[in-house]
Protein backbone atom coordinates (compact mmCIF):
# COMPACT_ATOMS: atom_id res chain seq x y z
CA MET A 1 18.10 -18.45 7.47
CA ILE A 2 21.32 -16.79 6.29
CA GLN A 3 23.14 -18.85 3.68
CA LEU A 4 26.90 -18.51 3.98
CA ASP A 5 29.50 -20.07 1.70
CA SER A 6 33.25 -19.79 1.83
CA PHE A 7 34.16 -17.06 -0.60
CA ASN A 8 36.27 -17.49 -3.69
CA ALA A 9 39.43 -15.43 -3.16
CA THR A 10 39.89 -15.16 -6.91
CA ARG A 11 36.50 -13.52 -7.38
CA LEU A 12 37.04 -11.20 -4.41
CA ASP A 13 40.41 -10.22 -5.85
CA GLY A 14 38.67 -9.68 -9.17
CA ALA A 15 36.19 -7.33 -7.52
CA ARG A 16 39.08 -5.45 -5.91
CA ARG A 17 40.81 -5.11 -9.26
CA ILE A 18 37.65 -3.83 -10.95
CA VAL A 19 37.10 -1.30 -8.18
CA GLY A 20 40.72 -0.16 -8.32
CA GLU A 21 40.51 0.38 -12.06
CA LEU A 22 37.63 2.83 -11.57
CA GLY A 23 40.05 5.42 -10.20
CA SER A 24 37.33 7.07 -8.12
CA ALA A 25 33.68 6.29 -7.55
CA LEU A 26 30.44 7.38 -5.95
CA ILE A 27 29.03 4.26 -4.30
CA ALA A 28 25.23 3.92 -4.10
CA TYR A 29 25.01 2.77 -0.50
CA SER A 30 22.02 1.45 1.42
CA GLY A 31 23.53 -0.16 4.51
CA GLY A 32 22.87 -3.64 3.12
CA VAL A 33 25.65 -6.19 2.96
CA ASP A 34 26.21 -5.90 -0.82
CA SER A 35 26.65 -2.13 -0.97
CA THR A 36 28.65 -2.17 2.27
CA LEU A 37 31.14 -4.69 0.91
CA LEU A 38 31.44 -2.65 -2.29
CA LEU A 39 32.01 0.48 -0.22
CA LYS A 40 34.62 -1.28 1.91
CA LEU A 41 36.54 -2.40 -1.17
CA ALA A 42 36.30 1.09 -2.64
CA MET A 43 37.64 2.65 0.56
CA GLU A 44 40.57 0.23 0.56
CA GLU A 45 41.36 0.53 -3.14
CA LEU A 46 40.47 4.17 -3.86
CA GLY A 47 41.05 5.94 -0.55
CA ASP A 48 39.67 9.47 -0.73
CA GLY A 49 38.34 8.64 -4.20
CA ALA A 50 35.54 6.59 -2.63
CA VAL A 51 32.39 8.39 -1.47
CA ALA A 52 29.16 6.75 -0.30
CA VAL A 53 25.77 8.24 -1.10
CA LEU A 54 22.60 7.32 0.77
CA ALA A 55 19.24 8.04 -0.86
CA SER A 56 16.10 8.58 1.20
CA SER A 57 12.48 8.36 0.05
CA PRO A 58 9.12 7.16 1.42
CA ALA A 59 9.91 3.71 -0.01
CA TYR A 60 12.62 3.16 2.63
CA PRO A 61 11.90 3.01 6.37
CA GLU A 62 13.66 5.48 8.61
CA SER A 63 14.99 2.62 10.73
CA GLU A 64 17.00 1.36 7.74
CA GLN A 65 18.33 4.84 6.99
CA THR A 66 19.38 5.40 10.60
CA ALA A 67 21.22 2.08 10.69
CA ALA A 68 22.94 2.84 7.37
CA ARG A 69 24.20 6.21 8.65
CA ALA A 70 25.56 4.63 11.81
CA LEU A 71 27.31 1.85 9.89
CA ALA A 72 28.94 4.28 7.45
CA GLY A 73 30.24 6.26 10.40
CA SER A 74 31.58 3.14 12.13
CA ILE A 75 33.69 2.12 9.13
CA GLY A 76 34.92 5.65 8.50
CA ALA A 77 33.20 6.22 5.17
CA ARG A 78 32.59 9.64 3.72
CA LEU A 79 28.82 9.82 3.33
CA VAL A 80 26.60 12.25 1.45
CA GLU A 81 22.81 12.06 1.44
CA VAL A 82 20.17 12.81 -1.17
CA THR A 83 16.41 12.59 -1.42
CA THR A 84 14.71 10.85 -4.32
CA SER A 85 11.11 11.29 -5.50
CA GLU A 86 10.33 8.07 -7.33
CA VAL A 87 7.00 7.67 -5.51
CA GLU A 88 5.82 10.88 -7.17
CA LEU A 89 6.44 9.49 -10.67
CA GLU A 90 3.32 8.14 -12.39
CA ALA A 91 5.33 5.38 -14.07
CA TYR A 92 6.56 4.22 -10.66
CA ALA A 93 3.32 4.69 -8.71
CA ARG A 94 1.22 2.67 -11.15
CA ASN A 95 3.38 -0.30 -10.12
CA ASN A 96 3.75 -2.23 -13.32
CA PRO A 97 6.53 -4.84 -13.52
CA ASP A 98 8.94 -2.14 -14.75
CA ARG A 99 8.60 -0.15 -11.49
CA CYS A 100 12.20 -0.80 -10.48
CA PHE A 101 13.43 0.58 -13.79
CA HIS A 102 11.78 3.92 -13.04
CA CYS A 103 13.13 3.82 -9.49
CA LYS A 104 16.69 3.39 -10.73
CA GLU A 105 16.16 6.07 -13.38
CA GLU A 106 15.19 8.52 -10.63
CA LEU A 107 18.06 7.36 -8.43
CA PHE A 108 20.72 7.69 -11.10
CA ASP A 109 19.28 11.00 -12.32
CA THR A 110 19.72 12.25 -8.76
CA LEU A 111 23.19 10.77 -8.21
CA GLU A 112 24.82 11.78 -11.49
CA PRO A 113 25.05 15.51 -10.60
CA VAL A 114 26.52 14.52 -7.21
CA ARG A 115 29.15 12.41 -8.94
CA ARG A 116 30.05 15.26 -11.28
CA ASP A 117 30.17 17.84 -8.50
CA LEU A 118 32.52 15.64 -6.47
CA GLY A 119 34.75 15.03 -9.50
CA LEU A 120 34.42 11.25 -9.30
CA SER A 121 34.91 9.07 -12.35
CA PHE A 122 32.13 6.49 -11.95
CA LEU A 123 28.89 5.67 -10.23
CA ALA A 124 28.79 2.13 -8.83
CA TYR A 125 26.24 0.01 -7.02
CA GLY A 126 26.08 -3.39 -5.36
CA ALA A 127 24.35 -5.65 -7.88
CA THR A 128 25.30 -9.31 -7.45
CA ALA A 129 25.55 -12.41 -9.62
CA ASP A 130 22.23 -13.60 -8.14
CA ASP A 131 20.50 -10.55 -9.63
CA ALA A 132 21.28 -11.75 -13.14
CA GLY A 133 18.82 -14.64 -12.79
CA ASP A 134 15.90 -12.67 -11.30
CA HIS A 135 13.41 -10.13 -12.63
CA ARG A 136 15.51 -6.98 -12.12
CA PRO A 137 14.33 -4.26 -14.51
CA GLY A 138 16.25 -1.65 -12.51
CA HIS A 139 19.51 -3.18 -13.67
CA ALA A 140 18.69 -2.21 -17.26
CA SER A 141 18.82 1.44 -16.19
CA ALA A 142 22.30 0.94 -14.77
CA VAL A 143 23.56 -0.82 -17.87
CA LYS A 144 22.33 1.83 -20.30
CA ARG A 145 23.94 4.59 -18.22
CA GLY A 146 27.32 2.96 -17.80
CA VAL A 147 26.91 2.53 -14.05
CA ARG A 148 29.37 -0.06 -12.76
CA PHE A 149 28.59 -3.09 -10.59
CA PRO A 150 31.94 -4.64 -9.59
CA LEU A 151 30.55 -7.48 -7.45
CA LEU A 152 28.39 -8.76 -10.30
CA GLU A 153 31.18 -8.16 -12.81
CA ALA A 154 33.44 -10.34 -10.66
CA GLY A 155 30.78 -13.07 -10.46
CA MET A 156 30.17 -12.76 -6.70
CA ALA A 157 26.89 -14.23 -5.45
CA LYS A 158 25.04 -13.19 -2.30
CA SER A 159 26.20 -15.99 -0.01
CA GLU A 160 29.80 -15.45 -1.10
CA ILE A 161 29.47 -11.70 -0.52
CA ARG A 162 28.27 -12.37 3.04
CA ALA A 163 31.26 -14.62 3.68
CA ALA A 164 33.66 -12.01 2.30
CA ALA A 165 31.99 -9.30 4.41
CA ARG A 166 32.44 -11.41 7.53
CA ALA A 167 36.08 -12.10 6.67
CA LEU A 168 36.67 -8.36 6.26
CA GLY A 169 35.08 -7.63 9.63
CA LEU A 170 31.94 -5.87 8.40
CA PRO A 171 29.41 -5.93 11.25
CA ASN A 172 26.39 -6.32 8.98
CA TRP A 173 27.57 -9.46 7.17
CA ASN A 174 24.51 -11.33 8.49
CA LYS A 175 21.98 -8.51 8.07
CA PRO A 176 18.71 -9.86 6.62
CA SER A 177 18.14 -8.92 3.01
CA PHE A 178 15.95 -5.90 2.44
CA ALA A 179 14.10 -4.50 -0.55
CA CYS A 180 12.16 -1.26 -0.81
CA LEU A 181 8.71 -1.19 0.77
CA SER A 182 7.08 -0.89 -2.66
CA SER A 183 8.12 -4.49 -3.32
CA ARG A 184 5.43 -5.55 -0.81
CA ILE A 185 2.64 -4.26 -3.08
CA PRO A 186 1.43 -6.53 -5.92
CA HIS A 187 2.01 -5.34 -9.46
CA GLY A 188 -0.95 -3.33 -10.71
CA THR A 189 -1.87 -2.04 -7.25
CA PRO A 190 -0.81 1.61 -7.05
CA VAL A 191 2.03 2.56 -4.74
CA THR A 192 1.00 5.29 -2.33
CA VAL A 193 2.79 6.93 0.57
CA ALA A 194 -0.06 5.85 2.86
CA ALA A 195 0.41 2.18 1.90
CA LEU A 196 4.17 2.43 2.34
CA ARG A 197 3.79 3.89 5.83
CA GLN A 198 1.29 1.16 6.75
CA ILE A 199 3.73 -1.52 5.65
CA GLU A 200 6.59 0.17 7.51
CA VAL A 201 4.66 0.35 10.79
CA ALA A 202 3.57 -3.30 10.54
CA GLU A 203 7.06 -4.58 9.73
CA ASP A 204 8.67 -2.52 12.49
CA ALA A 205 6.17 -3.98 14.95
CA LEU A 206 6.95 -7.54 13.86
CA LYS A 207 10.68 -6.91 14.12
CA ALA A 208 10.10 -5.64 17.65
CA LEU A 209 8.50 -9.02 18.39
CA GLY A 210 11.74 -10.74 17.37
CA PHE A 211 11.28 -11.59 13.68
CA ALA A 212 14.40 -10.44 11.85
CA GLN A 213 13.53 -11.47 8.29
CA VAL A 214 9.99 -10.30 7.68
CA ARG A 215 7.82 -9.02 4.86
CA VAL A 216 4.29 -7.68 5.14
CA ARG A 217 2.76 -8.13 1.70
CA HIS A 218 0.08 -5.54 1.15
CA HIS A 219 -3.22 -6.81 -0.27
CA GLY A 220 -5.55 -3.92 0.56
CA ASP A 221 -7.16 -4.69 3.92
CA VAL A 222 -5.21 -7.96 4.14
CA ALA A 223 -1.62 -8.26 5.37
CA ARG A 224 0.14 -11.46 4.28
CA ILE A 225 3.15 -12.04 6.51
CA GLU A 226 6.28 -13.81 5.33
CA VAL A 227 9.01 -14.88 7.74
CA ASP A 228 11.75 -17.48 7.42
CA GLY A 229 10.29 -20.97 7.27
CA ALA A 230 11.96 -21.87 10.56
CA ASP A 231 10.13 -18.96 12.25
CA ILE A 232 6.59 -19.77 11.08
CA ALA A 233 5.82 -21.91 14.15
CA GLN A 234 6.91 -19.07 16.43
CA LEU A 235 4.84 -16.60 14.43
CA VAL A 236 1.76 -18.77 14.87
CA ALA A 237 2.53 -19.30 18.57
CA GLN A 238 2.52 -15.51 18.97
CA ARG A 239 -0.51 -15.04 16.74
CA GLY A 240 -2.34 -12.87 19.25
CA GLU A 241 0.51 -10.37 19.53
CA VAL A 242 1.20 -10.57 15.81
CA ALA A 243 -2.39 -9.94 14.81
CA ALA A 244 -2.74 -7.06 17.23
CA ALA A 245 0.47 -5.43 16.02
CA VAL A 246 -0.43 -5.70 12.34
CA ARG A 247 -4.03 -4.59 12.84
CA ALA A 248 -2.72 -1.58 14.78
CA ALA A 249 -0.94 -0.59 11.55
CA GLY A 250 -4.34 -0.36 9.84
CA TYR A 251 -4.93 -3.82 8.36
CA LYS A 252 -8.29 -5.49 8.95
CA PHE A 253 -7.14 -9.05 8.29
CA VAL A 254 -3.85 -10.81 9.04
CA SER A 255 -2.60 -13.94 7.28
CA VAL A 256 0.59 -16.00 7.27
CA ASP A 257 2.27 -17.28 4.10
CA LEU A 258 2.98 -20.96 4.84
CA GLU A 259 5.72 -21.05 2.20
CA GLY A 260 7.75 -18.58 4.25
CA TYR A 261 9.92 -15.76 3.02
CA SER A 262 11.68 -15.78 -0.30
CA THR A 263 12.71 -13.01 -2.66
CA GLY A 264 10.52 -12.22 -5.62
CA HIS A 265 7.29 -13.74 -4.31
CA LEU A 266 5.19 -10.97 -5.79
CA ASN A 267 6.74 -11.54 -9.19
CA ARG A 268 4.08 -14.25 -9.46
CA THR A 269 1.56 -11.47 -9.95
CA TRP A 270 3.22 -10.63 -13.24
CA GLN A 271 2.76 -12.84 -16.26
CA PRO A 272 4.69 -11.95 -19.40
CA ARG A 273 2.57 -11.45 -22.47
CA SER A 274 2.58 -14.38 -24.83
CA SER A 275 3.96 -13.62 -28.24
């Protein structure tokens, strides 16, 4: 279920001010609500000095990329596209808890030449205040490189960002949250293109059955499905269709997580070393 709070005008104004002070920026854009709000503010505050960049790789389903392109066009954003190769990196593919760090390293390595070629002052992305309390190793890459994150800097949390996006007329304000497909694979299990495609096919099939917020957690032959808690009964009621759709993606066994969807579930597979 989408959580929506009234937004704090002071924090939104703070985000606007931070964006305006950048002068010009390349916005790492995914089509999600956070990066779209950041892009909207950049377009309003920086005009032609705001450019969106969409990165494609096997870790992101084509359906998400298609939707992101369409949304950028609908709001009049200037969009450039790049391809990233994080899945080919050994440090990423081995899928240790620092995987997201290597992903962001590849992303920013790819985006920095684009920023320079376009003559833009900063690279910015849509990190939020919620990210500060989660396991987000990718953020360390942004910090060390001087990448800016105006929404987080202004203290804006996810629910507040959704409310601001709705107030500004962004059509994706209620879009379900999305993370890369690699986040469905437990730490220590290698990330492969074949596994990513299997997850993509299974999730697309479940979305076609009407489940908007869905994750297919990849445990070898077993698919563990997460949907919003309120949708679990419906998932079970459609178990025949659900099982057939997921097995058609290549899984031998299909299970349902009775806790429902929440971010960071697979972080349980990582235990920090005791000192």
